[in-house]
Protein backbone atom coordinates (compact mmCIF):
# COMPACT_ATOMS: atom_id res chain seq x y z
CA MET A 1 -0.11 -0.30 -0.31
CA THR A 2 1.49 3.56 -0.94
CA GLU A 3 0.64 6.93 0.19
CA LEU A 4 0.59 9.81 -2.45
CA SER A 5 -0.11 13.40 -1.89
CA LEU A 6 -0.81 15.86 -4.32
CA THR A 7 0.64 19.19 -3.79
CA LYS A 8 -0.71 22.30 -6.65
CA THR A 9 0.59 25.53 -5.83
CA ILE A 10 -1.02 29.32 -6.85
CA ILE A 11 0.74 32.68 -7.33
CA LEU A 12 -2.30 35.21 -6.77
CA LYS A 13 -1.76 38.82 -7.09
CA ALA A 14 -3.21 40.06 -3.56
CA PRO A 15 -2.30 39.59 0.17
CA PRO A 16 -2.20 37.00 1.90
CA GLN A 17 -5.13 38.42 4.47
CA HIS A 18 -6.90 39.11 0.92
CA VAL A 19 -6.61 35.17 -0.03
CA TRP A 20 -6.54 33.79 3.09
CA LYS A 21 -10.72 35.29 3.26
CA PHE A 22 -11.55 32.65 0.21
CA LEU A 23 -10.69 29.55 1.73
CA THR A 24 -12.35 30.39 4.72
CA GLN A 25 -14.93 32.56 4.98
CA THR A 26 -18.55 30.79 3.07
CA ASP A 27 -19.75 33.25 0.16
CA LEU A 28 -16.43 33.79 -0.35
CA LEU A 29 -15.47 29.85 -1.05
CA ALA A 30 -18.85 29.66 -3.13
CA THR A 31 -16.96 31.76 -5.70
CA TRP A 32 -13.93 28.71 -6.83
CA PHE A 33 -14.62 25.84 -4.44
CA HIS A 34 -18.62 25.28 -3.56
CA ASN A 35 -20.90 26.15 -0.69
CA ALA A 36 -19.45 25.59 2.88
CA GLY A 37 -22.72 26.83 4.35
CA SER A 38 -20.99 28.03 7.34
CA ASP A 39 -16.97 29.41 7.10
CA LEU A 40 -14.42 27.47 8.55
CA VAL A 41 -13.09 27.28 12.04
CA GLU A 42 -10.44 26.39 13.82
CA GLY A 43 -12.18 23.43 15.82
CA GLY A 44 -15.30 23.28 13.88
CA GLU A 45 -17.37 20.95 11.86
CA TYR A 46 -17.38 21.56 7.48
CA LYS A 47 -20.07 20.99 5.38
CA ILE A 48 -19.82 21.67 1.04
CA VAL A 49 -22.88 21.14 -0.29
CA SER A 50 -24.67 20.57 -3.42
CA ASN A 51 -26.41 22.85 -5.52
CA SER A 52 -27.62 20.36 -7.96
CA ILE A 53 -31.18 20.48 -9.26
CA GLY A 54 -32.76 18.14 -6.61
CA LYS A 55 -30.19 17.99 -3.91
CA GLU A 56 -29.79 21.61 -2.77
CA GLY A 57 -28.46 20.96 0.45
CA ASP A 58 -26.94 17.16 0.24
CA ALA A 59 -24.03 17.36 1.71
CA ILE A 60 -21.02 16.31 -0.83
CA ILE A 61 -17.87 17.01 0.73
CA TRP A 62 -17.75 17.44 4.61
CA GLY A 63 -15.14 17.53 7.67
CA GLU A 64 -12.87 19.04 10.74
CA VAL A 65 -10.83 22.30 10.57
CA LEU A 66 -7.60 21.07 12.31
CA LEU A 67 -5.56 24.37 12.46
CA SER A 68 -6.40 27.53 11.54
CA ASP A 69 -3.34 30.23 11.67
CA ALA A 70 -4.33 33.16 9.12
CA PRO A 71 -3.11 34.14 7.45
CA ASN A 72 -1.29 31.64 6.87
CA LYS A 73 -2.17 28.25 7.35
CA LEU A 74 -5.30 26.07 7.65
CA VAL A 75 -4.94 22.46 7.98
CA HIS A 76 -8.94 20.60 7.47
CA THR A 77 -9.75 17.08 6.42
CA PHE A 78 -11.73 16.41 3.59
CA THR A 79 -13.42 13.29 2.98
CA HIS A 80 -17.49 12.30 0.75
CA PRO A 81 -19.57 9.81 0.67
CA MET A 82 -16.90 8.65 -2.80
CA LEU A 83 -13.91 8.29 -1.00
CA GLN A 84 -16.59 6.15 1.33
CA GLU A 85 -16.26 8.76 3.99
CA LYS A 86 -12.34 7.27 4.67
CA ASN A 87 -10.78 11.21 6.03
CA THR A 88 -8.26 13.38 4.20
CA VAL A 89 -5.88 16.11 5.15
CA CYS A 90 -6.33 19.38 3.02
CA THR A 91 -2.59 21.96 4.18
CA TRP A 92 -3.15 24.96 2.96
CA THR A 93 -0.30 27.58 3.62
CA LEU A 94 -0.09 30.94 2.22
CA THR A 95 3.39 32.77 1.69
CA GLU A 96 3.23 36.44 1.17
CA ILE A 97 5.61 37.03 -1.64
CA GLU A 98 6.62 40.36 -3.17
CA GLY A 99 3.64 41.18 -4.91
CA GLY A 100 0.93 38.71 -3.84
CA THR A 101 0.84 35.66 -2.25
CA LEU A 102 2.58 31.89 -2.91
CA LEU A 103 -0.90 29.61 -1.75
CA THR A 104 0.06 25.41 -1.93
CA LEU A 105 -2.29 23.13 -0.38
CA VAL A 106 -0.29 19.88 -0.15
CA HIS A 107 -3.83 16.77 -0.17
CA THR A 108 -2.90 13.92 2.27
CA GLY A 109 -4.00 10.81 2.44
CA PHE A 110 -5.01 8.61 -0.90
CA GLU A 111 -4.39 4.79 0.06
CA LEU A 112 -2.81 3.71 -3.62
CA VAL A 113 -4.30 -0.21 -2.40
CA GLU A 114 -5.78 -0.63 -6.03
CA ASP A 115 -6.58 0.68 -8.88
CA ALA A 116 -10.21 2.54 -7.88
CA SER A 117 -7.82 4.54 -5.29
CA PHE A 118 -5.87 5.36 -8.18
CA SER A 119 -8.44 6.84 -10.29
CA MET A 120 -9.71 8.74 -7.23
CA ALA A 121 -6.51 10.87 -6.50
CA GLN A 122 -6.31 10.84 -10.59
CA ALA A 123 -9.51 12.86 -9.71
CA HIS A 124 -9.05 14.57 -6.86
CA ASP A 125 -5.61 15.78 -8.92
CA LYS A 126 -7.90 17.17 -12.15
CA GLY A 127 -10.51 18.40 -9.65
CA TRP A 128 -8.13 21.13 -8.04
CA ASP A 129 -7.20 21.81 -10.96
CA GLU A 130 -10.22 23.25 -12.82
CA HIS A 131 -10.77 24.77 -9.15
CA PHE A 132 -7.38 26.53 -9.57
CA LEU A 133 -8.63 28.05 -11.42
CA ARG A 134 -11.77 29.60 -11.06
CA LEU A 135 -9.61 30.86 -7.67
CA ARG A 136 -6.95 32.46 -9.55
CA HIS A 137 -10.04 34.56 -11.68
CA VAL A 138 -12.24 35.43 -8.16
CA VAL A 139 -8.79 36.47 -5.55
CA SER A 140 -6.81 38.90 -8.07
């Protein structure tokens, strides 16, 4: 069994304090990811909900915020039905650079034990790429 980590990095033309809001405030999170229903706060649980017709409000992703060190680092668990409710962990690191923020996501906890788990990791890799493209447009 091999554990896989996904690492994504993006440079945003905004200070860390501004980018932080897009990671933790439900209204801004919804502009590039999904509606969280409530802000992400340390020690709190979150639930990302569907906006699909007939499934409005259904939980599609959920977890718990393990660390919230504004505007430097956010760590939360991340699961959904396709992960069979196995918790993975997302660690977001915001580094101030000249002209903006270097944002790095490390998503860990994908255990590669069969072809299906590889497909799941690959799907998350692609999904984060798509979300990061939207994040770039709404933050800058």
